[in-house]
Each structure stands twice: as structure tokens, then as C-alpha cells.
C-alpha atoms as a PDB file:
ATOM      1  CA  UNK A   1       1.042   2.883   5.305  1.00  0.00           C
ATOM      2  CA  UNK A   2      -2.427   2.276   3.982  1.00  0.00           C
ATOM      3  CA  UNK A   3      -2.362  -0.850   1.875  1.00  0.00           C
ATOM      4  CA  UNK A   4      -5.047  -1.187  -0.702  1.00  0.00           C
ATOM      5  CA  UNK A   5      -6.499  -4.728  -1.315  1.00  0.00           C
ATOM      6  CA  UNK A   6      -8.482  -5.754  -4.271  1.00  0.00           C
ATOM      7  CA  UNK A   7     -10.275  -8.863  -5.632  1.00  0.00           C
ATOM      8  CA  UNK A   8     -11.963  -9.698  -9.000  1.00  0.00           C
ATOM      9  CA  UNK A   9     -15.207  -8.254  -7.813  1.00  0.00           C
ATOM     10  CA  UNK A  10     -13.766  -5.025  -6.625  1.00  0.00           C
ATOM     11  CA  UNK A  11     -11.735  -4.530  -9.740  1.00  0.00           C
ATOM     12  CA  UNK A  12     -14.881  -5.141 -11.855  1.00  0.00           C
ATOM     13  CA  UNK A  13     -16.687  -2.498  -9.856  1.00  0.00           C
ATOM     14  CA  UNK A  14     -14.002  -0.003 -10.441  1.00  0.00           C
ATOM     15  CA  UNK A  15     -13.985  -0.736 -14.145  1.00  0.00           C
ATOM     16  CA  UNK A  16     -17.732  -0.282 -14.377  1.00  0.00           C
ATOM     17  CA  UNK A  17     -17.628   2.885 -12.452  1.00  0.00           C
ATOM     18  CA  UNK A  18     -14.118   4.231 -13.248  1.00  0.00           C
ATOM     19  CA  UNK A  19     -15.044   7.855 -13.620  1.00  0.00           C
ATOM     20  CA  UNK A  20     -16.856   8.145 -10.190  1.00  0.00           C
ATOM     21  CA  UNK A  21     -14.245   5.988  -8.236  1.00  0.00           C
ATOM     22  CA  UNK A  22     -11.306   8.095  -9.702  1.00  0.00           C
ATOM     23  CA  UNK A  23     -13.117  11.317  -8.927  1.00  0.00           C
ATOM     24  CA  UNK A  24     -13.466  10.113  -5.272  1.00  0.00           C
ATOM     25  CA  UNK A  25      -9.749   9.055  -5.173  1.00  0.00           C
ATOM     26  CA  UNK A  26      -8.580  12.357  -6.822  1.00  0.00           C
ATOM     27  CA  UNK A  27     -10.637  14.455  -4.244  1.00  0.00           C
ATOM     28  CA  UNK A  28      -9.138  12.579  -1.382  1.00  0.00           C
ATOM     29  CA  UNK A  29      -5.540  12.770  -2.641  1.00  0.00           C
ATOM     30  CA  UNK A  30      -5.973  16.482  -3.168  1.00  0.00           C
ATOM     31  CA  UNK A  31      -7.189  16.862   0.328  1.00  0.00           C
ATOM     32  CA  UNK A  32      -4.359  14.840   1.811  1.00  0.00           C
ATOM     33  CA  UNK A  33      -1.765  16.747  -0.373  1.00  0.00           C
ATOM     34  CA  UNK A  34      -3.223  20.026   0.935  1.00  0.00           C
ATOM     35  CA  UNK A  35      -3.136  18.979   4.519  1.00  0.00           C
ATOM     36  CA  UNK A  36       0.521  17.818   4.144  1.00  0.00           C
ATOM     37  CA  UNK A  37      -0.531  14.239   5.076  1.00  0.00           C
ATOM     38  CA  UNK A  38       0.289  12.661   1.840  1.00  0.00           C
ATOM     39  CA  UNK A  39       3.764  11.201   1.550  1.00  0.00           C
ATOM     40  CA  UNK A  40       3.282   9.082  -1.533  1.00  0.00           C
ATOM     41  CA  UNK A  41       1.732   5.972  -2.977  1.00  0.00           C
ATOM     42  CA  UNK A  42       1.368   3.883  -6.057  1.00  0.00           C
ATOM     43  CA  UNK A  43      -0.817   1.373  -7.663  1.00  0.00           C
ATOM     44  CA  UNK A  44       0.613  -2.130  -8.263  1.00  0.00           C
ATOM     45  CA  UNK A  45       0.110  -4.299 -11.402  1.00  0.00           C
ATOM     46  CA  UNK A  46      -1.961  -7.382 -10.941  1.00  0.00           C
ATOM     47  CA  UNK A  47      -0.737 -10.687  -9.308  1.00  0.00           C
ATOM     48  CA  UNK A  48      -0.400 -12.391 -12.599  1.00  0.00           C
ATOM     49  CA  UNK A  49       2.662 -10.259 -13.358  1.00  0.00           C
ATOM     50  CA  UNK A  50       4.268 -10.954  -9.987  1.00  0.00           C
ATOM     51  CA  UNK A  51       7.417 -13.107  -9.259  1.00  0.00           C
ATOM     52  CA  UNK A  52       7.966 -14.843  -6.037  1.00  0.00           C
ATOM     53  CA  UNK A  53      11.621 -15.438  -4.854  1.00  0.00           C
ATOM     54  CA  UNK A  54      12.354 -17.993  -2.211  1.00  0.00           C
ATOM     55  CA  UNK A  55      15.871 -19.059  -1.174  1.00  0.00           C
ATOM     56  CA  UNK A  56      16.114 -22.459   0.413  1.00  0.00           C
ATOM     57  CA  UNK A  57      19.415 -24.032   1.195  1.00  0.00           C
ATOM     58  CA  UNK A  58      21.189 -21.154  -0.529  1.00  0.00           C
ATOM     59  CA  UNK A  59      19.388 -21.943  -3.819  1.00  0.00           C
ATOM     60  CA  UNK A  60      16.935 -19.335  -5.140  1.00  0.00           C
ATOM     61  CA  UNK A  61      13.622 -20.606  -6.592  1.00  0.00           C
ATOM     62  CA  UNK A  62      11.724 -18.174  -8.737  1.00  0.00           C
ATOM     63  CA  UNK A  63       8.046 -18.683  -9.679  1.00  0.00           C
ATOM     64  CA  UNK A  64       5.761 -16.428 -11.715  1.00  0.00           C
ATOM     65  CA  UNK A  65       2.364 -15.477 -10.820  1.00  0.00           C
ATOM     66  CA  UNK A  66       0.491 -14.928  -7.592  1.00  0.00           C
ATOM     67  CA  UNK A  67       2.335 -15.964  -4.442  1.00  0.00           C
ATOM     68  CA  UNK A  68      -0.767 -17.016  -2.490  1.00  0.00           C
ATOM     69  CA  UNK A  69      -3.989 -18.863  -3.313  1.00  0.00           C
ATOM     70  CA  UNK A  70      -6.049 -16.062  -2.147  1.00  0.00           C
ATOM     71  CA  UNK A  71      -8.948 -13.998  -3.588  1.00  0.00           C
ATOM     72  CA  UNK A  72      -7.606 -10.698  -2.270  1.00  0.00           C
ATOM     73  CA  UNK A  73      -4.260  -9.230  -3.283  1.00  0.00           C
ATOM     74  CA  UNK A  74      -2.185  -6.101  -2.538  1.00  0.00           C
ATOM     75  CA  UNK A  75      -3.194  -3.662  -5.263  1.00  0.00           C
ATOM     76  CA  UNK A  76      -1.397  -0.525  -4.123  1.00  0.00           C
ATOM     77  CA  UNK A  77      -0.311   1.531  -1.201  1.00  0.00           C
ATOM     78  CA  UNK A  78      -0.549   5.037   0.172  1.00  0.00           C
ATOM     79  CA  UNK A  79       1.850   6.519   2.684  1.00  0.00           C
ATOM     80  CA  UNK A  80       0.434   9.230   4.875  1.00  0.00           C
ATOM     81  CA  UNK A  81       2.041  11.074   7.756  1.00  0.00           C
ATOM     82  CA  UNK A  82      -0.657  11.498  10.309  1.00  0.00           C
ATOM     83  CA  UNK A  83      -0.956  12.559  14.022  1.00  0.00           C
ATOM     84  CA  UNK A  84      -2.477   9.303  15.010  1.00  0.00           C
ATOM     85  CA  UNK A  85      -3.346   5.707  13.909  1.00  0.00           C
ATOM     86  CA  UNK A  86      -6.972   6.915  14.292  1.00  0.00           C
ATOM     87  CA  UNK A  87      -6.480   9.534  11.571  1.00  0.00           C
ATOM     88  CA  UNK A  88      -4.904   6.969   9.366  1.00  0.00           C
ATOM     89  CA  UNK A  89      -7.817   4.696  10.008  1.00  0.00           C
ATOM     90  CA  UNK A  90     -10.228   7.472   9.135  1.00  0.00           C
ATOM     91  CA  UNK A  91      -8.488   8.118   5.768  1.00  0.00           C
ATOM     92  CA  UNK A  92      -8.515   4.398   4.999  1.00  0.00           C
ATOM     93  CA  UNK A  93     -12.216   4.227   5.730  1.00  0.00           C
ATOM     94  CA  UNK A  94     -12.768   6.879   3.165  1.00  0.00           C
ATOM     95  CA  UNK A  95     -10.923   5.198   0.408  1.00  0.00           C
ATOM     96  CA  UNK A  96     -13.185   3.391  -2.193  1.00  0.00           C
ATOM     97  CA  UNK A  97     -11.413   0.164  -1.768  1.00  0.00           C
ATOM     98  CA  UNK A  98     -12.429  -0.034   1.987  1.00  0.00           C
ATOM     99  CA  UNK A  99     -16.064  -0.415   0.705  1.00  0.00           C
ATOM    100  CA  UNK A 100     -15.169  -2.697  -2.197  1.00  0.00           C
ATOM    101  CA  UNK A 101     -12.603  -5.047  -0.707  1.00  0.00           C
ATOM    102  CA  UNK A 102     -10.211  -3.977   2.286  1.00  0.00           C
ATOM    103  CA  UNK A 103      -7.720  -1.431   3.369  1.00  0.00           C
ATOM    104  CA  UNK A 104      -5.008  -2.224   5.920  1.00  0.00           C
ATOM    105  CA  UNK A 105      -3.380   0.401   8.113  1.00  0.00           C
ATOM    106  CA  UNK A 106       0.076  -0.515   9.295  1.00  0.00           C
ATOM    107  CA  UNK A 107       2.712   1.751  10.895  1.00  0.00           C
ATOM    108  CA  UNK A 108       6.046   2.010   9.084  1.00  0.00           C
ATOM    109  CA  UNK A 109       8.984   1.267  11.450  1.00  0.00           C
ATOM    110  CA  UNK A 110      11.314   4.278  11.691  1.00  0.00           C
ATOM    111  CA  UNK A 111      15.010   3.200  10.639  1.00  0.00           C
ATOM    112  CA  UNK A 112      17.506   3.316  13.364  1.00  0.00           C
ATOM    113  CA  UNK A 113      20.651   5.309  12.684  1.00  0.00           C
ATOM    114  CA  UNK A 114      23.686   2.956  12.226  1.00  0.00           C
ATOM    115  CA  UNK A 115      26.337   3.188  14.923  1.00  0.00           C
ATOM    116  CA  UNK A 116      29.152   5.717  14.347  1.00  0.00           C
ATOM    117  CA  UNK A 117      31.856   4.450  11.955  1.00  0.00           C
ATOM    118  CA  UNK A 118      29.328   2.344  10.082  1.00  0.00           C
ATOM    119  CA  UNK A 119      28.219   4.934   7.444  1.00  0.00           C
ATOM    120  CA  UNK A 120      25.999   6.812   9.757  1.00  0.00           C
ATOM    121  CA  UNK A 121      26.422   9.825  11.950  1.00  0.00           C
ATOM    122  CA  UNK A 122      27.701   9.648  15.421  1.00  0.00           C
ATOM    123  CA  UNK A 123      24.944   9.437  17.969  1.00  0.00           C
ATOM    124  CA  UNK A 124      25.219  11.337  21.287  1.00  0.00           C
END
């Protein structure tokens, strides 16, 4: 998973150069789709629209707004299926947000099949 981070400065740059940035993103998305590496992805709304849920002592506490006092926030994600972490890192380095703020490359953990009799197929 390639996690796309943004901050106020990077968002302003994108707004000021939207056509150029989107053309770069569109070209990279097309390339990844054609190579079969693109699995999916989505932009996320800004932190002001987020909700944080914490359960302490069995009692949920819900707060609105950003969950961290940080300048950077998760702005979206892209899921790619690559032959190596090096290839995923190469893709992240080409994403405009890598120059404007940051990209994080993190493997997705494969789900383990549940044991037989618990809703999953028998292993063996």
C-alpha cells in the first residue's frame, strides 16, 4: 500500500498547479493499470471531516476532527501489486506527493485462512 500524505503547503501547491499534477497522476495511473500493478486506491477527505473513536473501559468516546496534532495527514492511498518492495518504492517516488510532502510504502499483511469449521475452507 502506498499511503499518500499531505499538508497545507502541499495542498496549496496542488490547488495552484492542479492541471499539471493531475496530468502526472493520470499518466502514472494509466501506466500502472496497463502493467497490471494497479489494484485500487482512493483520495480521502481532509482531517477536519474525520471522527476518532476510542473505547476506554468499555465506553466509546467519539471526537470530531483531526486525531493528531500534526501538520501531515493521510490524504489517500494506492494499492499496487508489485514484484518487490523496491518496485513499490519506485512508484511512490514518482507520485507527486513524494515531492510535495511524503509517501509511505507499507506491505499489506495477507489474511490467514480460518480453520476448517469456522467459515473457511479446510486446509491440508
